[in-house]
PDB file of all heavy atoms in Angstrom:
ATOM      1  N   LEU A   1     169.112 101.207 106.531  1.00  0.00           N
ATOM      2  CA  LEU A   1     168.119 100.248 107.009  1.00  0.00           C
ATOM      3  C   LEU A   1     167.305 100.976 108.068  1.00  0.00           C
ATOM      4  O   LEU A   1     167.867 101.565 108.996  1.00  0.00           O
ATOM      5  CB  LEU A   1     168.805  99.022 107.625  1.00  0.00           C
ATOM      6  CG  LEU A   1     167.897  97.983 108.273  1.00  0.00           C
ATOM      7  CD1 LEU A   1     167.033  97.309 107.210  1.00  0.00           C
ATOM      8  CD2 LEU A   1     168.720  96.956 109.020  1.00  0.00           C
ATOM      9  N   GLN A   2     165.973 100.982 107.896  1.00  0.00           N
ATOM     10  CA  GLN A   2     165.101 101.603 108.882  1.00  0.00           C
ATOM     11  C   GLN A   2     164.351 100.518 109.631  1.00  0.00           C
ATOM     12  O   GLN A   2     163.855  99.576 109.017  1.00  0.00           O
ATOM     13  CB  GLN A   2     164.085 102.547 108.213  1.00  0.00           C
ATOM     14  CG  GLN A   2     164.683 103.828 107.714  1.00  0.00           C
ATOM     15  CD  GLN A   2     165.003 103.797 106.231  1.00  0.00           C
ATOM     16  OE1 GLN A   2     164.618 102.889 105.522  1.00  0.00           O
ATOM     17  NE2 GLN A   2     165.742 104.791 105.767  1.00  0.00           N
ATOM     18  N   VAL A   3     164.287 100.677 110.941  1.00  0.00           N
ATOM     19  CA  VAL A   3     163.604  99.717 111.795  1.00  0.00           C
ATOM     20  C   VAL A   3     162.566 100.476 112.616  1.00  0.00           C
ATOM     21  O   VAL A   3     162.890 101.494 113.218  1.00  0.00           O
ATOM     22  CB  VAL A   3     164.587  99.006 112.751  1.00  0.00           C
ATOM     23  CG1 VAL A   3     163.879  97.931 113.557  1.00  0.00           C
ATOM     24  CG2 VAL A   3     165.777  98.436 111.997  1.00  0.00           C
ATOM     25  N   LYS A   4     161.333  99.979 112.621  1.00  0.00           N
ATOM     26  CA  LYS A   4     160.284 100.536 113.476  1.00  0.00           C
ATOM     27  C   LYS A   4     159.942  99.473 114.507  1.00  0.00           C
ATOM     28  O   LYS A   4     159.602  98.351 114.156  1.00  0.00           O
ATOM     29  CB  LYS A   4     159.034 100.886 112.670  1.00  0.00           C
ATOM     30  CG  LYS A   4     159.134 102.168 111.914  1.00  0.00           C
ATOM     31  CD  LYS A   4     157.782 102.518 111.313  1.00  0.00           C
ATOM     32  CE  LYS A   4     157.855 103.806 110.555  1.00  0.00           C
ATOM     33  NZ  LYS A   4     156.567 104.153 109.954  1.00  0.00           N
ATOM     34  N   ILE A   5     160.029  99.865 115.765  1.00  0.00           N
ATOM     35  CA  ILE A   5     159.758  98.944 116.863  1.00  0.00           C
ATOM     36  C   ILE A   5     158.612  99.509 117.686  1.00  0.00           C
ATOM     37  O   ILE A   5     158.714 100.617 118.218  1.00  0.00           O
ATOM     38  CB  ILE A   5     160.999  98.768 117.752  1.00  0.00           C
ATOM     39  CG1 ILE A   5     162.202  98.340 116.916  1.00  0.00           C
ATOM     40  CG2 ILE A   5     160.707  97.782 118.877  1.00  0.00           C
ATOM     41  CD1 ILE A   5     163.525  98.510 117.618  1.00  0.00           C
ATOM     42  N   ILE A   6     157.540  98.758 117.779  1.00  0.00           N
ATOM     43  CA  ILE A   6     156.410  99.190 118.598  1.00  0.00           C
ATOM     44  C   ILE A   6     156.663  98.712 120.017  1.00  0.00           C
ATOM     45  O   ILE A   6     156.774  97.517 120.271  1.00  0.00           O
ATOM     46  CB  ILE A   6     155.089  98.666 118.036  1.00  0.00           C
ATOM     47  CG1 ILE A   6     154.826  99.400 116.742  1.00  0.00           C
ATOM     48  CG2 ILE A   6     153.945  98.930 118.981  1.00  0.00           C
ATOM     49  CD1 ILE A   6     154.442  98.687 115.602  1.00  0.00           C
ATOM     50  N   LEU A   7     156.791  99.658 120.901  1.00  0.00           N
ATOM     51  CA  LEU A   7     157.132  99.342 122.281  1.00  0.00           C
ATOM     52  C   LEU A   7     155.887  98.951 123.066  1.00  0.00           C
ATOM     53  O   LEU A   7     154.801  99.466 122.811  1.00  0.00           O
ATOM     54  CB  LEU A   7     157.809 100.551 122.925  1.00  0.00           C
ATOM     55  CG  LEU A   7     159.111 100.978 122.236  1.00  0.00           C
ATOM     56  CD1 LEU A   7     159.597 102.300 122.810  1.00  0.00           C
ATOM     57  CD2 LEU A   7     160.171  99.909 122.376  1.00  0.00           C
ATOM     58  N   PRO A   8     156.055  98.048 124.032  1.00  0.00           N
ATOM     59  CA  PRO A   8     154.905  97.631 124.838  1.00  0.00           C
ATOM     60  C   PRO A   8     154.450  98.764 125.754  1.00  0.00           C
ATOM     61  O   PRO A   8     155.239  99.636 126.122  1.00  0.00           O
ATOM     62  CB  PRO A   8     155.454  96.458 125.643  1.00  0.00           C
ATOM     63  CG  PRO A   8     156.917  96.659 125.684  1.00  0.00           C
ATOM     64  CD  PRO A   8     157.285  97.362 124.417  1.00  0.00           C
ATOM     65  N   GLU A   9     153.181  98.744 126.104  1.00  0.00           N
ATOM     66  CA  GLU A   9     152.654  99.755 127.023  1.00  0.00           C
ATOM     67  C   GLU A   9     153.359  99.636 128.366  1.00  0.00           C
ATOM     68  O   GLU A   9     153.735  98.550 128.783  1.00  0.00           O
ATOM     69  CB  GLU A   9     151.151  99.562 127.211  1.00  0.00           C
ATOM     70  CG  GLU A   9     150.350 100.120 126.079  1.00  0.00           C
ATOM     71  CD  GLU A   9     148.873 100.200 126.411  1.00  0.00           C
ATOM     72  OE1 GLU A   9     148.520 100.376 127.585  1.00  0.00           O
ATOM     73  OE2 GLU A   9     148.084 100.085 125.473  1.00  0.00           O
ATOM     74  N   GLY A  10     153.529 100.776 128.988  1.00  0.00           N
ATOM     75  CA  GLY A  10     154.128 100.781 130.314  1.00  0.00           C
ATOM     76  C   GLY A  10     155.625 100.998 130.314  1.00  0.00           C
ATOM     77  O   GLY A  10     156.241 101.031 131.378  1.00  0.00           O
ATOM     78  N   PHE A  11     156.249 101.177 129.144  1.00  0.00           N
ATOM     79  CA  PHE A  11     157.690 101.422 129.136  1.00  0.00           C
ATOM     80  C   PHE A  11     157.956 102.834 129.647  1.00  0.00           C
ATOM     81  O   PHE A  11     157.130 103.725 129.517  1.00  0.00           O
ATOM     82  CB  PHE A  11     158.293 101.223 127.738  1.00  0.00           C
ATOM     83  CG  PHE A  11     158.023 102.356 126.790  1.00  0.00           C
ATOM     84  CD1 PHE A  11     158.923 103.410 126.669  1.00  0.00           C
ATOM     85  CD2 PHE A  11     156.882 102.385 126.014  1.00  0.00           C
ATOM     86  CE1 PHE A  11     158.677 104.456 125.803  1.00  0.00           C
ATOM     87  CE2 PHE A  11     156.628 103.418 125.141  1.00  0.00           C
ATOM     88  CZ  PHE A  11     157.534 104.461 125.035  1.00  0.00           C
ATOM     89  N   GLU A  12     159.109 103.007 130.271  1.00  0.00           N
ATOM     90  CA  GLU A  12     159.512 104.323 130.754  1.00  0.00           C
ATOM     91  C   GLU A  12     160.648 104.824 129.882  1.00  0.00           C
ATOM     92  O   GLU A  12     161.673 104.155 129.743  1.00  0.00           O
ATOM     93  CB  GLU A  12     159.966 104.243 132.212  1.00  0.00           C
ATOM     94  CG  GLU A  12     158.856 103.887 133.175  1.00  0.00           C
ATOM     95  CD  GLU A  12     159.345 103.814 134.601  1.00  0.00           C
ATOM     96  OE1 GLU A  12     160.255 104.591 134.959  1.00  0.00           O
ATOM     97  OE2 GLU A  12     158.836 102.962 135.338  1.00  0.00           O
ATOM     98  N   ARG A  13     160.480 105.989 129.303  1.00  0.00           N
ATOM     99  CA  ARG A  13     161.461 106.561 128.373  1.00  0.00           C
ATOM    100  C   ARG A  13     162.851 106.639 129.007  1.00  0.00           C
ATOM    101  O   ARG A  13     163.853 106.353 128.375  1.00  0.00           O
ATOM    102  CB  ARG A  13     160.963 107.952 127.923  1.00  0.00           C
ATOM    103  CG  ARG A  13     161.992 108.865 127.304  1.00  0.00           C
ATOM    104  CD  ARG A  13     162.416 108.347 125.925  1.00  0.00           C
ATOM    105  NE  ARG A  13     163.439 109.169 125.339  1.00  0.00           N
ATOM    106  CZ  ARG A  13     164.742 108.943 125.438  1.00  0.00           C
ATOM    107  NH1 ARG A  13     165.196 107.951 126.142  1.00  0.00           N
ATOM    108  NH2 ARG A  13     165.608 109.720 124.825  1.00  0.00           N
ATOM    109  N   GLU A  14     162.893 107.011 130.276  1.00  0.00           N
ATOM    110  CA  GLU A  14     164.173 107.188 130.960  1.00  0.00           C
ATOM    111  C   GLU A  14     164.914 105.872 131.165  1.00  0.00           C
ATOM    112  O   GLU A  14     166.136 105.854 131.274  1.00  0.00           O
ATOM    113  CB  GLU A  14     163.963 107.866 132.327  1.00  0.00           C
ATOM    114  CG  GLU A  14     163.348 109.245 132.236  1.00  0.00           C
ATOM    115  CD  GLU A  14     161.835 109.201 131.974  1.00  0.00           C
ATOM    116  OE1 GLU A  14     161.162 108.227 132.371  1.00  0.00           O
ATOM    117  OE2 GLU A  14     161.345 110.154 131.337  1.00  0.00           O
ATOM    118  N   MET A  15     164.186 104.767 131.228  1.00  0.00           N
ATOM    119  CA  MET A  15     164.797 103.455 131.469  1.00  0.00           C
ATOM    120  C   MET A  15     165.216 102.758 130.175  1.00  0.00           C
ATOM    121  O   MET A  15     166.027 101.839 130.198  1.00  0.00           O
ATOM    122  CB  MET A  15     163.816 102.546 132.226  1.00  0.00           C
ATOM    123  CG  MET A  15     163.401 103.075 133.582  1.00  0.00           C
ATOM    124  SD  MET A  15     164.768 103.263 134.727  1.00  0.00           S
ATOM    125  CE  MET A  15     165.213 101.567 134.986  1.00  0.00           C
ATOM    126  N   LEU A  16     164.684 103.191 129.055  1.00  0.00           N
ATOM    127  CA  LEU A  16     164.909 102.530 127.772  1.00  0.00           C
ATOM    128  C   LEU A  16     166.321 102.782 127.257  1.00  0.00           C
ATOM    129  O   LEU A  16     166.795 103.916 127.246  1.00  0.00           O
ATOM    130  CB  LEU A  16     163.881 103.052 126.767  1.00  0.00           C
ATOM    131  CG  LEU A  16     163.661 102.237 125.511  1.00  0.00           C
ATOM    132  CD1 LEU A  16     163.128 100.856 125.857  1.00  0.00           C
ATOM    133  CD2 LEU A  16     162.676 102.964 124.608  1.00  0.00           C
ATOM    134  N   ARG A  17     166.998 101.712 126.851  1.00  0.00           N
ATOM    135  CA  ARG A  17     168.341 101.809 126.256  1.00  0.00           C
ATOM    136  C   ARG A  17     168.360 100.963 124.993  1.00  0.00           C
ATOM    137  O   ARG A  17     167.829  99.857 124.967  1.00  0.00           O
ATOM    138  CB  ARG A  17     169.400 101.279 127.222  1.00  0.00           C
ATOM    139  CG  ARG A  17     169.573 102.165 128.426  1.00  0.00           C
ATOM    140  CD  ARG A  17     170.698 101.718 129.314  1.00  0.00           C
ATOM    141  NE  ARG A  17     171.959 101.805 128.591  1.00  0.00           N
ATOM    142  CZ  ARG A  17     173.030 101.068 128.882  1.00  0.00           C
ATOM    143  NH1 ARG A  17     172.976 100.205 129.858  1.00  0.00           N
ATOM    144  NH2 ARG A  17     174.134 101.193 128.200  1.00  0.00           N
ATOM    145  N   LEU A  18     168.988 101.500 123.946  1.00  0.00           N
ATOM    146  CA  LEU A  18     169.132 100.785 122.686  1.00  0.00           C
ATOM    147  C   LEU A  18     170.605 100.501 122.461  1.00  0.00           C
ATOM    148  O   LEU A  18     171.429 101.415 122.437  1.00  0.00           O
ATOM    149  CB  LEU A  18     168.578 101.617 121.521  1.00  0.00           C
ATOM    150  CG  LEU A  18     168.747 101.013 120.137  1.00  0.00           C
ATOM    151  CD1 LEU A  18     167.900  99.747 119.993  1.00  0.00           C
ATOM    152  CD2 LEU A  18     168.378 102.021 119.067  1.00  0.00           C
ATOM    153  N   MET A  19     170.920  99.236 122.292  1.00  0.00           N
ATOM    154  CA  MET A  19     172.289  98.805 122.012  1.00  0.00           C
ATOM    155  C   MET A  19     172.317  98.304 120.572  1.00  0.00           C
ATOM    156  O   MET A  19     171.441  97.540 120.165  1.00  0.00           O
ATOM    157  CB  MET A  19     172.711  97.688 122.977  1.00  0.00           C
ATOM    158  CG  MET A  19     172.446  98.006 124.450  1.00  0.00           C
ATOM    159  SD  MET A  19     173.299  99.462 125.036  1.00  0.00           S
ATOM    160  CE  MET A  19     174.937  98.832 125.184  1.00  0.00           C
ATOM    161  N   VAL A  20     173.323  98.737 119.810  1.00  0.00           N
ATOM    162  CA  VAL A  20     173.400  98.390 118.399  1.00  0.00           C
ATOM    163  C   VAL A  20     174.665  97.584 118.136  1.00  0.00           C
ATOM    164  O   VAL A  20     175.765  97.984 118.531  1.00  0.00           O
ATOM    165  CB  VAL A  20     173.396  99.661 117.509  1.00  0.00           C
ATOM    166  CG1 VAL A  20     173.412  99.284 116.037  1.00  0.00           C
ATOM    167  CG2 VAL A  20     172.205 100.543 117.825  1.00  0.00           C
ATOM    168  N   ARG A  21     174.493  96.469 117.466  1.00  0.00           N
ATOM    169  CA  ARG A  21     175.595  95.635 117.005  1.00  0.00           C
ATOM    170  C   ARG A  21     175.457  95.533 115.494  1.00  0.00           C
ATOM    171  O   ARG A  21     174.410  95.869 114.947  1.00  0.00           O
ATOM    172  CB  ARG A  21     175.462  94.252 117.656  1.00  0.00           C
ATOM    173  CG  ARG A  21     176.731  93.433 117.622  1.00  0.00           C
ATOM    174  CD  ARG A  21     176.596  92.223 118.507  1.00  0.00           C
ATOM    175  NE  ARG A  21     176.021  91.119 117.747  1.00  0.00           N
ATOM    176  CZ  ARG A  21     175.874  89.897 118.210  1.00  0.00           C
ATOM    177  NH1 ARG A  21     176.221  89.610 119.446  1.00  0.00           N
ATOM    178  NH2 ARG A  21     175.357  88.955 117.463  1.00  0.00           N
ATOM    179  N   GLU A  22     176.450  95.096 114.785  1.00  0.00           N
ATOM    180  CA  GLU A  22     176.375  95.077 113.318  1.00  0.00           C
ATOM    181  C   GLU A  22     175.265  94.183 112.770  1.00  0.00           C
ATOM    182  O   GLU A  22     174.792  94.393 111.663  1.00  0.00           O
ATOM    183  CB  GLU A  22     177.720  94.688 112.700  1.00  0.00           C
ATOM    184  CG  GLU A  22     178.156  93.281 113.008  1.00  0.00           C
ATOM    185  CD  GLU A  22     179.497  92.937 112.389  1.00  0.00           C
ATOM    186  OE1 GLU A  22     180.162  93.839 111.865  1.00  0.00           O
ATOM    187  OE2 GLU A  22     179.857  91.751 112.436  1.00  0.00           O
ATOM    188  N   ASP A  23     174.780  93.235 113.572  1.00  0.00           N
ATOM    189  CA  ASP A  23     173.740  92.329 113.086  1.00  0.00           C
ATOM    190  C   ASP A  23     172.495  92.275 113.969  1.00  0.00           C
ATOM    191  O   ASP A  23     171.539  91.576 113.662  1.00  0.00           O
ATOM    192  CB  ASP A  23     174.301  90.914 112.936  1.00  0.00           C
ATOM    193  CG  ASP A  23     174.739  90.318 114.261  1.00  0.00           C
ATOM    194  OD1 ASP A  23     175.027  91.076 115.208  1.00  0.00           O
ATOM    195  OD2 ASP A  23     174.800  89.078 114.358  1.00  0.00           O
ATOM    196  N   ARG A  24     172.472  93.061 115.067  1.00  0.00           N
ATOM    197  CA  ARG A  24     171.353  92.994 116.009  1.00  0.00           C
ATOM    198  C   ARG A  24     171.124  94.327 116.719  1.00  0.00           C
ATOM    199  O   ARG A  24     172.034  95.131 116.849  1.00  0.00           O
ATOM    200  CB  ARG A  24     171.612  91.954 117.102  1.00  0.00           C
ATOM    201  CG  ARG A  24     171.778  90.564 116.586  1.00  0.00           C
ATOM    202  CD  ARG A  24     172.040  89.584 117.719  1.00  0.00           C
ATOM    203  NE  ARG A  24     172.504  88.316 117.202  1.00  0.00           N
ATOM    204  CZ  ARG A  24     171.728  87.414 116.639  1.00  0.00           C
ATOM    205  NH1 ARG A  24     170.452  87.631 116.530  1.00  0.00           N
ATOM    206  NH2 ARG A  24     172.224  86.278 116.191  1.00  0.00           N
ATOM    207  N   LEU A  25     169.902  94.478 117.213  1.00  0.00           N
ATOM    208  CA  LEU A  25     169.556  95.556 118.129  1.00  0.00           C
ATOM    209  C   LEU A  25     169.154  94.905 119.439  1.00  0.00           C
ATOM    210  O   LEU A  25     168.529  93.834 119.432  1.00  0.00           O
ATOM    211  CB  LEU A  25     168.371  96.373 117.617  1.00  0.00           C
ATOM    212  CG  LEU A  25     168.521  97.109 116.296  1.00  0.00           C
ATOM    213  CD1 LEU A  25     167.222  97.812 115.945  1.00  0.00           C
ATOM    214  CD2 LEU A  25     169.656  98.098 116.350  1.00  0.00           C
ATOM    215  N   ARG A  26     169.494  95.532 120.552  1.00  0.00           N
ATOM    216  CA  ARG A  26     169.062  95.021 121.851  1.00  0.00           C
ATOM    217  C   ARG A  26     168.405  96.170 122.597  1.00  0.00           C
ATOM    218  O   ARG A  26     168.998  97.233 122.778  1.00  0.00           O
ATOM    219  CB  ARG A  26     170.237  94.465 122.642  1.00  0.00           C
ATOM    220  CG  ARG A  26     169.769  93.778 123.929  1.00  0.00           C
ATOM    221  CD  ARG A  26     170.885  93.083 124.652  1.00  0.00           C
ATOM    222  NE  ARG A  26     171.773  94.093 125.219  1.00  0.00           N
ATOM    223  CZ  ARG A  26     173.088  93.931 125.351  1.00  0.00           C
ATOM    224  NH1 ARG A  26     173.665  92.832 124.948  1.00  0.00           N
ATOM    225  NH2 ARG A  26     173.815  94.880 125.887  1.00  0.00           N
ATOM    226  N   LEU A  27     167.167  95.948 123.020  1.00  0.00           N
ATOM    227  CA  LEU A  27     166.421  96.932 123.804  1.00  0.00           C
ATOM    228  C   LEU A  27     166.460  96.511 125.261  1.00  0.00           C
ATOM    229  O   LEU A  27     166.082  95.393 125.601  1.00  0.00           O
ATOM    230  CB  LEU A  27     164.969  96.994 123.349  1.00  0.00           C
ATOM    231  CG  LEU A  27     164.681  97.895 122.176  1.00  0.00           C
ATOM    232  CD1 LEU A  27     163.255  97.684 121.690  1.00  0.00           C
ATOM    233  CD2 LEU A  27     164.906  99.337 122.524  1.00  0.00           C
ATOM    234  N   GLU A  28     166.911  97.419 126.105  1.00  0.00           N
ATOM    235  CA  GLU A  28     166.966  97.169 127.539  1.00  0.00           C
ATOM    236  C   GLU A  28     166.040  98.145 128.238  1.00  0.00           C
ATOM    237  O   GLU A  28     165.734  99.211 127.705  1.00  0.00           O
ATOM    238  CB  GLU A  28     168.398  97.357 128.048  1.00  0.00           C
ATOM    239  CG  GLU A  28     169.389  96.412 127.417  1.00  0.00           C
ATOM    240  CD  GLU A  28     170.836  96.692 127.829  1.00  0.00           C
ATOM    241  OE1 GLU A  28     171.084  97.725 128.483  1.00  0.00           O
ATOM    242  OE2 GLU A  28     171.701  95.881 127.490  1.00  0.00           O
ATOM    243  N   GLY A  29     165.587  97.782 129.418  1.00  0.00           N
ATOM    244  CA  GLY A  29     164.741  98.672 130.209  1.00  0.00           C
ATOM    245  C   GLY A  29     163.272  98.611 129.846  1.00  0.00           C
ATOM    246  O   GLY A  29     162.527  99.554 130.080  1.00  0.00           O
ATOM    247  N   LEU A  30     162.847  97.491 129.289  1.00  0.00           N
ATOM    248  CA  LEU A  30     161.429  97.314 128.967  1.00  0.00           C
ATOM    249  C   LEU A  30     160.662  96.962 130.243  1.00  0.00           C
ATOM    250  O   LEU A  30     161.271  96.599 131.252  1.00  0.00           O
ATOM    251  CB  LEU A  30     161.271  96.203 127.917  1.00  0.00           C
ATOM    252  CG  LEU A  30     161.885  96.517 126.550  1.00  0.00           C
ATOM    253  CD1 LEU A  30     161.872  95.291 125.667  1.00  0.00           C
ATOM    254  CD2 LEU A  30     161.146  97.661 125.889  1.00  0.00           C
ATOM    255  N   PRO A  31     159.336  97.074 130.221  1.00  0.00           N
ATOM    256  CA  PRO A  31     158.562  96.744 131.427  1.00  0.00           C
ATOM    257  C   PRO A  31     158.918  95.372 131.978  1.00  0.00           C
ATOM    258  O   PRO A  31     159.159  94.425 131.217  1.00  0.00           O
ATOM    259  CB  PRO A  31     157.112  96.785 130.916  1.00  0.00           C
ATOM    260  CG  PRO A  31     157.139  97.744 129.775  1.00  0.00           C
ATOM    261  CD  PRO A  31     158.480  97.517 129.121  1.00  0.00           C
ATOM    262  N   GLY A  32     158.991  95.287 133.277  1.00  0.00           N
ATOM    263  CA  GLY A  32     159.348  94.033 133.929  1.00  0.00           C
ATOM    264  C   GLY A  32     160.835  93.741 133.870  1.00  0.00           C
ATOM    265  O   GLY A  32     161.258  92.618 134.124  1.00  0.00           O
ATOM    266  N   GLY A  33     161.638  94.741 133.519  1.00  0.00           N
ATOM    267  CA  GLY A  33     163.080  94.549 133.428  1.00  0.00           C
ATOM    268  C   GLY A  33     163.505  93.683 132.259  1.00  0.00           C
ATOM    269  O   GLY A  33     164.609  93.164 132.234  1.00  0.00           O
ATOM    270  N   LYS A  34     162.620  93.529 131.287  1.00  0.00           N
ATOM    271  CA  LYS A  34     162.915  92.662 130.148  1.00  0.00           C
ATOM    272  C   LYS A  34     163.900  93.306 129.180  1.00  0.00           C
ATOM    273  O   LYS A  34     163.994  94.523 129.081  1.00  0.00           O
ATOM    274  CB  LYS A  34     161.637  92.303 129.400  1.00  0.00           C
ATOM    275  CG  LYS A  34     160.720  91.409 130.191  1.00  0.00           C
ATOM    276  CD  LYS A  34     159.542  90.994 129.372  1.00  0.00           C
ATOM    277  CE  LYS A  34     158.623  90.099 130.197  1.00  0.00           C
ATOM    278  NZ  LYS A  34     157.459  89.696 129.456  1.00  0.00           N
ATOM    279  N   THR A  35     164.603  92.445 128.462  1.00  0.00           N
ATOM    280  CA  THR A  35     165.518  92.838 127.397  1.00  0.00           C
ATOM    281  C   THR A  35     165.122  92.046 126.166  1.00  0.00           C
ATOM    282  O   THR A  35     164.848  90.849 126.263  1.00  0.00           O
ATOM    283  CB  THR A  35     166.979  92.505 127.785  1.00  0.00           C
ATOM    284  OG1 THR A  35     167.320  93.264 128.945  1.00  0.00           O
ATOM    285  CG2 THR A  35     167.928  92.837 126.664  1.00  0.00           C
ATOM    286  N   GLU A  36     165.053  92.707 125.030  1.00  0.00           N
ATOM    287  CA  GLU A  36     164.698  92.035 123.780  1.00  0.00           C
ATOM    288  C   GLU A  36     165.784  92.249 122.748  1.00  0.00           C
ATOM    289  O   GLU A  36     166.372  93.324 122.656  1.00  0.00           O
ATOM    290  CB  GLU A  36     163.371  92.561 123.233  1.00  0.00           C
ATOM    291  CG  GLU A  36     162.178  92.235 124.080  1.00  0.00           C
ATOM    292  CD  GLU A  36     161.818  90.767 124.117  1.00  0.00           C
ATOM    293  OE1 GLU A  36     162.233  90.010 123.211  1.00  0.00           O
ATOM    294  OE2 GLU A  36     161.119  90.359 125.050  1.00  0.00           O
ATOM    295  N   THR A  37     166.038  91.222 121.956  1.00  0.00           N
ATOM    296  CA  THR A  37     167.028  91.294 120.885  1.00  0.00           C
ATOM    297  C   THR A  37     166.319  91.118 119.552  1.00  0.00           C
ATOM    298  O   THR A  37     165.478  90.234 119.405  1.00  0.00           O
ATOM    299  CB  THR A  37     168.090  90.180 121.058  1.00  0.00           C
ATOM    300  OG1 THR A  37     168.702  90.344 122.346  1.00  0.00           O
ATOM    301  CG2 THR A  37     169.145  90.260 119.986  1.00  0.00           C
ATOM    302  N   ILE A  38     166.669  91.978 118.599  1.00  0.00           N
ATOM    303  CA  ILE A  38     166.072  91.942 117.265  1.00  0.00           C
ATOM    304  C   ILE A  38     167.180  91.718 116.257  1.00  0.00           C
ATOM    305  O   ILE A  38     168.127  92.504 116.179  1.00  0.00           O
ATOM    306  CB  ILE A  38     165.328  93.260 116.966  1.00  0.00           C
ATOM    307  CG1 ILE A  38     164.209  93.461 117.983  1.00  0.00           C
ATOM    308  CG2 ILE A  38     164.808  93.267 115.540  1.00  0.00           C
ATOM    309  CD1 ILE A  38     163.637  94.843 118.005  1.00  0.00           C
ATOM    310  N   LYS A  39     167.061  90.644 115.497  1.00  0.00           N
ATOM    311  CA  LYS A  39     168.054  90.326 114.463  1.00  0.00           C
ATOM    312  C   LYS A  39     167.784  91.202 113.243  1.00  0.00           C
ATOM    313  O   LYS A  39     166.661  91.287 112.775  1.00  0.00           O
ATOM    314  CB  LYS A  39     167.968  88.854 114.080  1.00  0.00           C
ATOM    315  CG  LYS A  39     169.062  88.405 113.141  1.00  0.00           C
ATOM    316  CD  LYS A  39     168.981  86.903 112.922  1.00  0.00           C
ATOM    317  CE  LYS A  39     170.096  86.354 112.081  1.00  0.00           C
ATOM    318  NZ  LYS A  39     170.382  87.026 110.861  1.00  0.00           N
ATOM    319  N   LEU A  40     168.832  91.840 112.743  1.00  0.00           N
ATOM    320  CA  LEU A  40     168.700  92.715 111.582  1.00  0.00           C
ATOM    321  C   LEU A  40     168.860  91.918 110.285  1.00  0.00           C
ATOM    322  O   LEU A  40     169.670  90.984 110.229  1.00  0.00           O
ATOM    323  CB  LEU A  40     169.763  93.823 111.632  1.00  0.00           C
ATOM    324  CG  LEU A  40     169.677  94.756 112.840  1.00  0.00           C
ATOM    325  CD1 LEU A  40     170.874  95.700 112.865  1.00  0.00           C
ATOM    326  CD2 LEU A  40     168.377  95.519 112.836  1.00  0.00           C
ATOM    327  N   PRO A  41     168.135  92.287 109.238  1.00  0.00           N
ATOM    328  CA  PRO A  41     168.232  91.556 107.970  1.00  0.00           C
ATOM    329  C   PRO A  41     169.496  91.879 107.176  1.00  0.00           C
ATOM    330  O   PRO A  41     169.851  91.146 106.267  1.00  0.00           O
ATOM    331  CB  PRO A  41     166.982  92.007 107.204  1.00  0.00           C
ATOM    332  CG  PRO A  41     166.647  93.339 107.767  1.00  0.00           C
ATOM    333  CD  PRO A  41     167.075  93.295 109.206  1.00  0.00           C
ATOM    334  N   LYS A  42     170.183  92.962 107.503  1.00  0.00           N
ATOM    335  CA  LYS A  42     171.426  93.372 106.829  1.00  0.00           C
ATOM    336  C   LYS A  42     172.426  93.793 107.881  1.00  0.00           C
ATOM    337  O   LYS A  42     172.053  94.214 108.974  1.00  0.00           O
ATOM    338  CB  LYS A  42     171.187  94.576 105.903  1.00  0.00           C
ATOM    339  CG  LYS A  42     170.162  94.369 104.835  1.00  0.00           C
ATOM    340  CD  LYS A  42     170.729  93.576 103.707  1.00  0.00           C
ATOM    341  CE  LYS A  42     169.661  93.488 102.623  1.00  0.00           C
ATOM    342  NZ  LYS A  42     169.964  92.731 101.520  1.00  0.00           N
ATOM    343  N   LEU A  43     173.717  93.721 107.534  1.00  0.00           N
ATOM    344  CA  LEU A  43     174.744  94.209 108.441  1.00  0.00           C
ATOM    345  C   LEU A  43     174.777  95.725 108.369  1.00  0.00           C
ATOM    346  O   LEU A  43     174.581  96.315 107.307  1.00  0.00           O
ATOM    347  CB  LEU A  43     176.106  93.634 108.060  1.00  0.00           C
ATOM    348  CG  LEU A  43     176.255  92.119 108.215  1.00  0.00           C
ATOM    349  CD1 LEU A  43     177.629  91.673 107.759  1.00  0.00           C
ATOM    350  CD2 LEU A  43     176.001  91.684 109.652  1.00  0.00           C
ATOM    351  N   VAL A  44     175.018  96.362 109.525  1.00  0.00           N
ATOM    352  CA  VAL A  44     175.029  97.819 109.606  1.00  0.00           C
ATOM    353  C   VAL A  44     176.301  98.297 110.301  1.00  0.00           C
ATOM    354  O   VAL A  44     177.029  97.514 110.908  1.00  0.00           O
ATOM    355  CB  VAL A  44     173.793  98.345 110.377  1.00  0.00           C
ATOM    356  CG1 VAL A  44     172.505  97.964 109.671  1.00  0.00           C
ATOM    357  CG2 VAL A  44     173.789  97.865 111.818  1.00  0.00           C
ATOM    358  N   LYS A  45     176.526  99.613 110.217  1.00  0.00           N
ATOM    359  CA  LYS A  45     177.609 100.250 110.959  1.00  0.00           C
ATOM    360  C   LYS A  45     177.002 100.727 112.280  1.00  0.00           C
ATOM    361  O   LYS A  45     176.234 101.681 112.297  1.00  0.00           O
ATOM    362  CB  LYS A  45     178.165 101.434 110.173  1.00  0.00           C
ATOM    363  CG  LYS A  45     178.849 101.036 108.886  1.00  0.00           C
ATOM    364  CD  LYS A  45     179.385 102.273 108.188  1.00  0.00           C
ATOM    365  CE  LYS A  45     180.148 101.906 106.938  1.00  0.00           C
ATOM    366  NZ  LYS A  45     180.704 103.112 106.275  1.00  0.00           N
TER     367      LYS A  45
END
């Protein structure tokens, strides 16, 4: 499963963290200290 995520302007590469769960992705360290969760269409390892 390939996922392309367009990041908002102003993100800092050093602050960005990607957390992977079998059914979701969670992006931490976005501008404004935001965290976003993306539901995956298939279960993954």
